[in-house]
Amino acid sequence: MRSGSTSSSTTEPEDYPVTERPARESVRRRLDEIAADPFAKHANVKRYKEGGPNSFRLRHGQWRAIYRIDREAQEMQVQIIDTRGSVYR
């Protein structure tokens, strides 16, 4: 399955402190793993009810990623990667 990005956080990764960049990249690596088999059970992944039936939330430390799976297009679309306090606003 392809992984794509439909929108990103309002803050670009370069704006985060240097200490947070590895964590953000770790979330991206996890998303790549999920994209390889999106229908398998993955740790710290739950349905994201506010996003619709094909939306999911990945929890990784203080970081969250919201993504959708488009079954017809065989694509996983990452909607946002941000810190816990910012992603749900």
PDB file of N, CA and C in Angstrom:
ATOM      1  N   MET A   1       0.853  -1.172   0.000  1.00  0.00           N
ATOM      2  CA  MET A   1       0.000   0.000   0.000  1.00  0.00           C
ATOM      3  C   MET A   1       0.893   1.227   0.000  1.00  0.00           C
ATOM      4  N   ARG A   2       0.495   2.224  -0.765  1.00  0.00           N
ATOM      5  CA  ARG A   2       1.253   3.462  -0.828  1.00  0.00           C
ATOM      6  C   ARG A   2       0.940   4.330   0.376  1.00  0.00           C
ATOM      7  N   SER A   3       1.921   5.109   0.770  1.00  0.00           N
ATOM      8  CA  SER A   3       1.732   6.056   1.865  1.00  0.00           C
ATOM      9  C   SER A   3       1.875   7.452   1.291  1.00  0.00           C
ATOM     10  N   GLY A   4       0.942   8.315   1.615  1.00  0.00           N
ATOM     11  CA  GLY A   4       0.997   9.685   1.137  1.00  0.00           C
ATOM     12  C   GLY A   4       0.640  10.642   2.248  1.00  0.00           C
ATOM     13  N   SER A   5       0.827  11.910   1.986  1.00  0.00           N
ATOM     14  CA  SER A   5       0.501  12.927   2.973  1.00  0.00           C
ATOM     15  C   SER A   5      -0.485  13.896   2.359  1.00  0.00           C
ATOM     16  N   THR A   6      -1.610  14.103   3.018  1.00  0.00           N
ATOM     17  CA  THR A   6      -2.608  15.031   2.496  1.00  0.00           C
ATOM     18  C   THR A   6      -2.473  16.409   3.104  1.00  0.00           C
ATOM     19  N   SER A   7      -2.063  16.486   4.333  1.00  0.00           N
ATOM     20  CA  SER A   7      -1.811  17.768   4.974  1.00  0.00           C
ATOM     21  C   SER A   7      -0.835  17.529   6.105  1.00  0.00           C
ATOM     22  N   SER A   8      -0.259  18.576   6.589  1.00  0.00           N
ATOM     23  CA  SER A   8       0.717  18.410   7.657  1.00  0.00           C
ATOM     24  C   SER A   8       0.385  19.348   8.790  1.00  0.00           C
ATOM     25  N   SER A   9       1.136  19.212   9.837  1.00  0.00           N
ATOM     26  CA  SER A   9       0.962  20.089  10.981  1.00  0.00           C
ATOM     27  C   SER A   9       1.227  21.530  10.557  1.00  0.00           C
ATOM     28  N   THR A  10       0.682  22.469  11.292  1.00  0.00           N
ATOM     29  CA  THR A  10       0.911  23.871  10.976  1.00  0.00           C
ATOM     30  C   THR A  10       2.351  24.263  11.271  1.00  0.00           C
ATOM     31  N   THR A  11       3.067  23.475  12.033  1.00  0.00           N
ATOM     32  CA  THR A  11       4.455  23.764  12.358  1.00  0.00           C
ATOM     33  C   THR A  11       5.348  22.781  11.620  1.00  0.00           C
ATOM     34  N   GLU A  12       6.282  23.277  10.870  1.00  0.00           N
ATOM     35  CA  GLU A  12       7.188  22.417  10.117  1.00  0.00           C
ATOM     36  C   GLU A  12       8.203  21.794  11.073  1.00  0.00           C
ATOM     37  N   PRO A  13       8.769  20.627  10.717  1.00  0.00           N
ATOM     38  CA  PRO A  13       9.693  19.944  11.617  1.00  0.00           C
ATOM     39  C   PRO A  13      10.896  20.788  12.014  1.00  0.00           C
ATOM     40  N   GLU A  14      11.357  21.670  11.149  1.00  0.00           N
ATOM     41  CA  GLU A  14      12.518  22.501  11.461  1.00  0.00           C
ATOM     42  C   GLU A  14      12.237  23.463  12.610  1.00  0.00           C
ATOM     43  N   ASP A  15      10.964  23.724  12.900  1.00  0.00           N
ATOM     44  CA  ASP A  15      10.596  24.640  13.971  1.00  0.00           C
ATOM     45  C   ASP A  15      10.635  23.985  15.341  1.00  0.00           C
ATOM     46  N   TYR A  16      10.700  22.664  15.387  1.00  0.00           N
ATOM     47  CA  TYR A  16      10.742  21.962  16.659  1.00  0.00           C
ATOM     48  C   TYR A  16      12.167  21.962  17.196  1.00  0.00           C
ATOM     49  N   PRO A  17      12.320  21.901  18.508  1.00  0.00           N
ATOM     50  CA  PRO A  17      13.663  21.791  19.072  1.00  0.00           C
ATOM     51  C   PRO A  17      14.369  20.554  18.527  1.00  0.00           C
ATOM     52  N   VAL A  18      15.678  20.619  18.453  1.00  0.00           N
ATOM     53  CA  VAL A  18      16.470  19.518  17.915  1.00  0.00           C
ATOM     54  C   VAL A  18      16.180  18.212  18.647  1.00  0.00           C
ATOM     55  N   THR A  19      15.887  18.277  19.931  1.00  0.00           N
ATOM     56  CA  THR A  19      15.633  17.062  20.709  1.00  0.00           C
ATOM     57  C   THR A  19      14.350  16.363  20.294  1.00  0.00           C
ATOM     58  N   GLU A  20      13.408  17.069  19.654  1.00  0.00           N
ATOM     59  CA  GLU A  20      12.135  16.463  19.258  1.00  0.00           C
ATOM     60  C   GLU A  20      12.158  15.896  17.842  1.00  0.00           C
ATOM     61  N   ARG A  21      13.118  16.274  17.033  1.00  0.00           N
ATOM     62  CA  ARG A  21      13.163  15.780  15.658  1.00  0.00           C
ATOM     63  C   ARG A  21      13.301  14.269  15.571  1.00  0.00           C
ATOM     64  N   PRO A  22      14.145  13.619  16.379  1.00  0.00           N
ATOM     65  CA  PRO A  22      14.225  12.149  16.297  1.00  0.00           C
ATOM     66  C   PRO A  22      12.895  11.468  16.623  1.00  0.00           C
ATOM     67  N   ALA A  23      12.147  12.008  17.569  1.00  0.00           N
ATOM     68  CA  ALA A  23      10.851  11.420  17.919  1.00  0.00           C
ATOM     69  C   ALA A  23       9.884  11.542  16.746  1.00  0.00           C
ATOM     70  N   ARG A  24       9.871  12.678  16.106  1.00  0.00           N
ATOM     71  CA  ARG A  24       8.983  12.881  14.954  1.00  0.00           C
ATOM     72  C   ARG A  24       9.363  11.926  13.817  1.00  0.00           C
ATOM     73  N   GLU A  25      10.645  11.749  13.580  1.00  0.00           N
ATOM     74  CA  GLU A  25      11.092  10.819  12.545  1.00  0.00           C
ATOM     75  C   GLU A  25      10.756   9.381  12.926  1.00  0.00           C
ATOM     76  N   SER A  26      10.785   9.078  14.203  1.00  0.00           N
ATOM     77  CA  SER A  26      10.405   7.750  14.667  1.00  0.00           C
ATOM     78  C   SER A  26       8.936   7.473  14.359  1.00  0.00           C
ATOM     79  N   VAL A  27       8.091   8.477  14.512  1.00  0.00           N
ATOM     80  CA  VAL A  27       6.672   8.335  14.171  1.00  0.00           C
ATOM     81  C   VAL A  27       6.532   8.069  12.677  1.00  0.00           C
ATOM     82  N   ARG A  28       7.291   8.761  11.879  1.00  0.00           N
ATOM     83  CA  ARG A  28       7.231   8.545  10.424  1.00  0.00           C
ATOM     84  C   ARG A  28       7.666   7.125  10.059  1.00  0.00           C
ATOM     85  N   ARG A  29       8.682   6.615  10.724  1.00  0.00           N
ATOM     86  CA  ARG A  29       9.100   5.221  10.475  1.00  0.00           C
ATOM     87  C   ARG A  29       7.986   4.253  10.854  1.00  0.00           C
ATOM     88  N   ARG A  30       7.322   4.493  11.975  1.00  0.00           N
ATOM     89  CA  ARG A  30       6.195   3.642  12.384  1.00  0.00           C
ATOM     90  C   ARG A  30       5.083   3.676  11.343  1.00  0.00           C
ATOM     91  N   LEU A  31       4.813   4.857  10.795  1.00  0.00           N
ATOM     92  CA  LEU A  31       3.783   4.980   9.768  1.00  0.00           C
ATOM     93  C   LEU A  31       4.169   4.196   8.510  1.00  0.00           C
ATOM     94  N   ASP A  32       5.454   4.178   8.184  1.00  0.00           N
ATOM     95  CA  ASP A  32       5.911   3.372   7.047  1.00  0.00           C
ATOM     96  C   ASP A  32       5.674   1.891   7.305  1.00  0.00           C
ATOM     97  N   GLU A  33       5.911   1.447   8.538  1.00  0.00           N
ATOM     98  CA  GLU A  33       5.657   0.048   8.904  1.00  0.00           C
ATOM     99  C   GLU A  33       4.171  -0.275   8.793  1.00  0.00           C
ATOM    100  N   ILE A  34       3.332   0.629   9.243  1.00  0.00           N
ATOM    101  CA  ILE A  34       1.885   0.423   9.173  1.00  0.00           C
ATOM    102  C   ILE A  34       1.424   0.392   7.718  1.00  0.00           C
ATOM    103  N   ALA A  35       2.005   1.260   6.886  1.00  0.00           N
ATOM    104  CA  ALA A  35       1.623   1.310   5.470  1.00  0.00           C
ATOM    105  C   ALA A  35       1.930  -0.006   4.760  1.00  0.00           C
ATOM    106  N   ALA A  36       2.940  -0.728   5.221  1.00  0.00           N
ATOM    107  CA  ALA A  36       3.281  -2.011   4.602  1.00  0.00           C
ATOM    108  C   ALA A  36       2.157  -3.031   4.783  1.00  0.00           C
ATOM    109  N   ASP A  37       1.441  -2.963   5.896  1.00  0.00           N
ATOM    110  CA  ASP A  37       0.314  -3.868   6.153  1.00  0.00           C
ATOM    111  C   ASP A  37      -0.704  -3.136   7.031  1.00  0.00           C
ATOM    112  N   PRO A  38      -1.476  -2.244   6.447  1.00  0.00           N
ATOM    113  CA  PRO A  38      -2.348  -1.373   7.244  1.00  0.00           C
ATOM    114  C   PRO A  38      -3.516  -2.074   7.933  1.00  0.00           C
ATOM    115  N   PHE A  39      -3.876  -3.269   7.491  1.00  0.00           N
ATOM    116  CA  PHE A  39      -5.029  -3.948   8.075  1.00  0.00           C
ATOM    117  C   PHE A  39      -4.639  -4.919   9.185  1.00  0.00           C
ATOM    118  N   ALA A  40      -3.342  -5.045   9.445  1.00  0.00           N
ATOM    119  CA  ALA A  40      -2.883  -5.879  10.556  1.00  0.00           C
ATOM    120  C   ALA A  40      -3.084  -5.117  11.862  1.00  0.00           C
ATOM    121  N   LYS A  41      -3.022  -5.832  12.976  1.00  0.00           N
ATOM    122  CA  LYS A  41      -3.130  -5.181  14.282  1.00  0.00           C
ATOM    123  C   LYS A  41      -1.762  -4.588  14.625  1.00  0.00           C
ATOM    124  N   HIS A  42      -1.743  -3.300  14.924  1.00  0.00           N
ATOM    125  CA  HIS A  42      -0.505  -2.594  15.261  1.00  0.00           C
ATOM    126  C   HIS A  42      -0.625  -2.026  16.670  1.00  0.00           C
ATOM    127  N   ALA A  43       0.477  -2.056  17.399  1.00  0.00           N
ATOM    128  CA  ALA A  43       0.500  -1.508  18.755  1.00  0.00           C
ATOM    129  C   ALA A  43       0.257  -0.002  18.717  1.00  0.00           C
ATOM    130  N   ASN A  44      -0.518   0.485  19.665  1.00  0.00           N
ATOM    131  CA  ASN A  44      -0.796   1.914  19.853  1.00  0.00           C
ATOM    132  C   ASN A  44      -1.549   2.548  18.689  1.00  0.00           C
ATOM    133  N   VAL A  45      -2.322   1.753  17.961  1.00  0.00           N
ATOM    134  CA  VAL A  45      -3.161   2.272  16.884  1.00  0.00           C
ATOM    135  C   VAL A  45      -4.612   1.992  17.233  1.00  0.00           C
ATOM    136  N   LYS A  46      -5.429   3.028  17.127  1.00  0.00           N
ATOM    137  CA  LYS A  46      -6.866   2.893  17.363  1.00  0.00           C
ATOM    138  C   LYS A  46      -7.614   3.665  16.289  1.00  0.00           C
ATOM    139  N   ARG A  47      -8.881   3.319  16.127  1.00  0.00           N
ATOM    140  CA  ARG A  47      -9.724   4.095  15.223  1.00  0.00           C
ATOM    141  C   ARG A  47      -9.850   5.513  15.764  1.00  0.00           C
ATOM    142  N   TYR A  48      -9.854   6.469  14.852  1.00  0.00           N
ATOM    143  CA  TYR A  48     -10.046   7.869  15.217  1.00  0.00           C
ATOM    144  C   TYR A  48     -11.464   8.226  14.807  1.00  0.00           C
ATOM    145  N   LYS A  49     -12.369   8.188  15.756  1.00  0.00           N
ATOM    146  CA  LYS A  49     -13.801   8.303  15.489  1.00  0.00           C
ATOM    147  C   LYS A  49     -14.197   9.627  14.843  1.00  0.00           C
ATOM    148  N   GLU A  50     -13.522  10.708  15.213  1.00  0.00           N
ATOM    149  CA  GLU A  50     -13.874  12.014  14.661  1.00  0.00           C
ATOM    150  C   GLU A  50     -13.517  12.133  13.183  1.00  0.00           C
ATOM    151  N   GLY A  51     -12.651  11.248  12.692  1.00  0.00           N
ATOM    152  CA  GLY A  51     -12.201  11.340  11.305  1.00  0.00           C
ATOM    153  C   GLY A  51     -12.972  10.491  10.327  1.00  0.00           C
ATOM    154  N   GLY A  52     -13.909   9.700  10.798  1.00  0.00           N
ATOM    155  CA  GLY A  52     -14.680   8.857   9.902  1.00  0.00           C
ATOM    156  C   GLY A  52     -14.305   7.390  10.040  1.00  0.00           C
ATOM    157  N   PRO A  53     -14.945   6.543   9.254  1.00  0.00           N
ATOM    158  CA  PRO A  53     -14.784   5.094   9.432  1.00  0.00           C
ATOM    159  C   PRO A  53     -13.406   4.547   9.057  1.00  0.00           C
ATOM    160  N   ASN A  54     -12.662   5.243   8.225  1.00  0.00           N
ATOM    161  CA  ASN A  54     -11.355   4.748   7.798  1.00  0.00           C
ATOM    162  C   ASN A  54     -10.206   5.564   8.367  1.00  0.00           C
ATOM    163  N   SER A  55     -10.443   6.273   9.466  1.00  0.00           N
ATOM    164  CA  SER A  55      -9.404   7.095  10.098  1.00  0.00           C
ATOM    165  C   SER A  55      -8.861   6.397  11.340  1.00  0.00           C
ATOM    166  N   PHE A  56      -7.566   6.556  11.547  1.00  0.00           N
ATOM    167  CA  PHE A  56      -6.896   5.923  12.667  1.00  0.00           C
ATOM    168  C   PHE A  56      -5.952   6.900  13.333  1.00  0.00           C
ATOM    169  N   ARG A  57      -5.604   6.584  14.590  1.00  0.00           N
ATOM    170  CA  ARG A  57      -4.683   7.397  15.376  1.00  0.00           C
ATOM    171  C   ARG A  57      -3.539   6.517  15.840  1.00  0.00           C
ATOM    172  N   LEU A  58      -2.317   6.974  15.595  1.00  0.00           N
ATOM    173  CA  LEU A  58      -1.120   6.306  16.098  1.00  0.00           C
ATOM    174  C   LEU A  58      -0.603   7.108  17.277  1.00  0.00           C
ATOM    175  N   ARG A  59      -0.371   6.446  18.387  1.00  0.00           N
ATOM    176  CA  ARG A  59       0.195   7.087  19.578  1.00  0.00           C
ATOM    177  C   ARG A  59       1.639   6.629  19.710  1.00  0.00           C
ATOM    178  N   HIS A  60       2.548   7.592  19.830  1.00  0.00           N
ATOM    179  CA  HIS A  60       3.973   7.281  19.978  1.00  0.00           C
ATOM    180  C   HIS A  60       4.565   8.296  20.949  1.00  0.00           C
ATOM    181  N   GLY A  61       4.626   7.927  22.244  1.00  0.00           N
ATOM    182  CA  GLY A  61       5.080   8.866  23.265  1.00  0.00           C
ATOM    183  C   GLY A  61       4.133  10.051  23.329  1.00  0.00           C
ATOM    184  N   GLN A  62       4.663  11.262  23.266  1.00  0.00           N
ATOM    185  CA  GLN A  62       3.813  12.456  23.279  1.00  0.00           C
ATOM    186  C   GLN A  62       3.326  12.825  21.884  1.00  0.00           C
ATOM    187  N   TRP A  63       3.724  12.078  20.879  1.00  0.00           N
ATOM    188  CA  TRP A  63       3.358  12.369  19.496  1.00  0.00           C
ATOM    189  C   TRP A  63       2.130  11.581  19.068  1.00  0.00           C
ATOM    190  N   ARG A  64       1.354  12.176  18.156  1.00  0.00           N
ATOM    191  CA  ARG A  64       0.188  11.524  17.584  1.00  0.00           C
ATOM    192  C   ARG A  64       0.220  11.720  16.070  1.00  0.00           C
ATOM    193  N   ALA A  65      -0.257  10.714  15.372  1.00  0.00           N
ATOM    194  CA  ALA A  65      -0.421  10.824  13.923  1.00  0.00           C
ATOM    195  C   ALA A  65      -1.840  10.382  13.595  1.00  0.00           C
ATOM    196  N   ILE A  66      -2.519  11.153  12.793  1.00  0.00           N
ATOM    197  CA  ILE A  66      -3.859  10.811  12.322  1.00  0.00           C
ATOM    198  C   ILE A  66      -3.725  10.461  10.847  1.00  0.00           C
ATOM    199  N   TYR A  67      -4.275   9.306  10.463  1.00  0.00           N
ATOM    200  CA  TYR A  67      -4.193   8.905   9.064  1.00  0.00           C
ATOM    201  C   TYR A  67      -5.475   8.213   8.643  1.00  0.00           C
ATOM    202  N   ARG A  68      -5.683   8.180   7.328  1.00  0.00           N
ATOM    203  CA  ARG A  68      -6.854   7.523   6.733  1.00  0.00           C
ATOM    204  C   ARG A  68      -6.364   6.447   5.787  1.00  0.00           C
ATOM    205  N   ILE A  69      -7.163   5.419   5.657  1.00  0.00           N
ATOM    206  CA  ILE A  69      -6.868   4.371   4.689  1.00  0.00           C
ATOM    207  C   ILE A  69      -7.934   4.422   3.605  1.00  0.00           C
ATOM    208  N   ASP A  70      -7.500   4.641   2.382  1.00  0.00           N
ATOM    209  CA  ASP A  70      -8.390   4.632   1.225  1.00  0.00           C
ATOM    210  C   ASP A  70      -8.271   3.247   0.596  1.00  0.00           C
ATOM    211  N   ARG A  71      -9.243   2.409   0.861  1.00  0.00           N
ATOM    212  CA  ARG A  71      -9.191   1.022   0.397  1.00  0.00           C
ATOM    213  C   ARG A  71      -9.231   0.913  -1.120  1.00  0.00           C
ATOM    214  N   GLU A  72     -10.019   1.749  -1.768  1.00  0.00           N
ATOM    215  CA  GLU A  72     -10.131   1.678  -3.222  1.00  0.00           C
ATOM    216  C   GLU A  72      -8.834   2.076  -3.917  1.00  0.00           C
ATOM    217  N   ALA A  73      -8.209   3.136  -3.459  1.00  0.00           N
ATOM    218  CA  ALA A  73      -6.968   3.610  -4.069  1.00  0.00           C
ATOM    219  C   ALA A  73      -5.742   2.874  -3.533  1.00  0.00           C
ATOM    220  N   GLN A  74      -5.957   1.989  -2.533  1.00  0.00           N
ATOM    221  CA  GLN A  74      -4.854   1.275  -1.894  1.00  0.00           C
ATOM    222  C   GLN A  74      -3.797   2.270  -1.400  1.00  0.00           C
ATOM    223  N   GLU A  75      -4.279   3.256  -0.632  1.00  0.00           N
ATOM    224  CA  GLU A  75      -3.393   4.320  -0.179  1.00  0.00           C
ATOM    225  C   GLU A  75      -3.662   4.669   1.269  1.00  0.00           C
ATOM    226  N   MET A  76      -2.599   4.962   1.986  1.00  0.00           N
ATOM    227  CA  MET A  76      -2.697   5.444   3.358  1.00  0.00           C
ATOM    228  C   MET A  76      -2.313   6.919   3.335  1.00  0.00           C
ATOM    229  N   GLN A  77      -3.216   7.789   3.773  1.00  0.00           N
ATOM    230  CA  GLN A  77      -2.997   9.230   3.726  1.00  0.00           C
ATOM    231  C   GLN A  77      -2.783   9.762   5.138  1.00  0.00           C
ATOM    232  N   VAL A  78      -1.586  10.252   5.401  1.00  0.00           N
ATOM    233  CA  VAL A  78      -1.272  10.842   6.703  1.00  0.00           C
ATOM    234  C   VAL A  78      -1.826  12.259   6.713  1.00  0.00           C
ATOM    235  N   GLN A  79      -2.674  12.552   7.687  1.00  0.00           N
ATOM    236  CA  GLN A  79      -3.302  13.863   7.753  1.00  0.00           C
ATOM    237  C   GLN A  79      -2.540  14.831   8.642  1.00  0.00           C
ATOM    238  N   ILE A  80      -2.001  14.339   9.764  1.00  0.00           N
ATOM    239  CA  ILE A  80      -1.255  15.227  10.662  1.00  0.00           C
ATOM    240  C   ILE A  80      -0.348  14.398  11.563  1.00  0.00           C
ATOM    241  N   ILE A  81       0.823  14.949  11.839  1.00  0.00           N
ATOM    242  CA  ILE A  81       1.747  14.420  12.846  1.00  0.00           C
ATOM    243  C   ILE A  81       2.096  15.607  13.733  1.00  0.00           C
ATOM    244  N   ASP A  82       1.787  15.492  15.009  1.00  0.00           N
ATOM    245  CA  ASP A  82       2.077  16.604  15.912  1.00  0.00           C
ATOM    246  C   ASP A  82       2.050  16.095  17.351  1.00  0.00           C
ATOM    247  N   THR A  83       2.331  16.976  18.290  1.00  0.00           N
ATOM    248  CA  THR A  83       2.312  16.595  19.692  1.00  0.00           C
ATOM    249  C   THR A  83       0.887  16.381  20.163  1.00  0.00           C
ATOM    250  N   ARG A  84       0.744  15.655  21.228  1.00  0.00           N
ATOM    251  CA  ARG A  84      -0.566  15.263  21.751  1.00  0.00           C
ATOM    252  C   ARG A  84      -1.492  16.449  21.975  1.00  0.00           C
ATOM    253  N   GLY A  85      -0.985  17.520  22.520  1.00  0.00           N
ATOM    254  CA  GLY A  85      -1.826  18.672  22.820  1.00  0.00           C
ATOM    255  C   GLY A  85      -2.292  19.436  21.591  1.00  0.00           C
ATOM    256  N   SER A  86      -1.579  19.304  20.487  1.00  0.00           N
ATOM    257  CA  SER A  86      -1.891  20.081  19.290  1.00  0.00           C
ATOM    258  C   SER A  86      -2.698  19.318  18.245  1.00  0.00           C
ATOM    259  N   VAL A  87      -2.570  18.019  18.207  1.00  0.00           N
ATOM    260  CA  VAL A  87      -3.163  17.252  17.116  1.00  0.00           C
ATOM    261  C   VAL A  87      -4.676  17.205  17.151  1.00  0.00           C
ATOM    262  N   TYR A  88      -5.285  17.298  18.312  1.00  0.00           N
ATOM    263  CA  TYR A  88      -6.737  17.172  18.417  1.00  0.00           C
ATOM    264  C   TYR A  88      -7.485  18.508  18.362  1.00  0.00           C
ATOM    265  N   ARG A  89      -6.785  19.589  18.188  1.00  0.00           N
ATOM    266  CA  ARG A  89      -7.432  20.910  18.158  1.00  0.00           C
ATOM    267  C   ARG A  89      -8.031  21.189  16.811  1.00  0.00           C
TER     268      ARG A  89
END
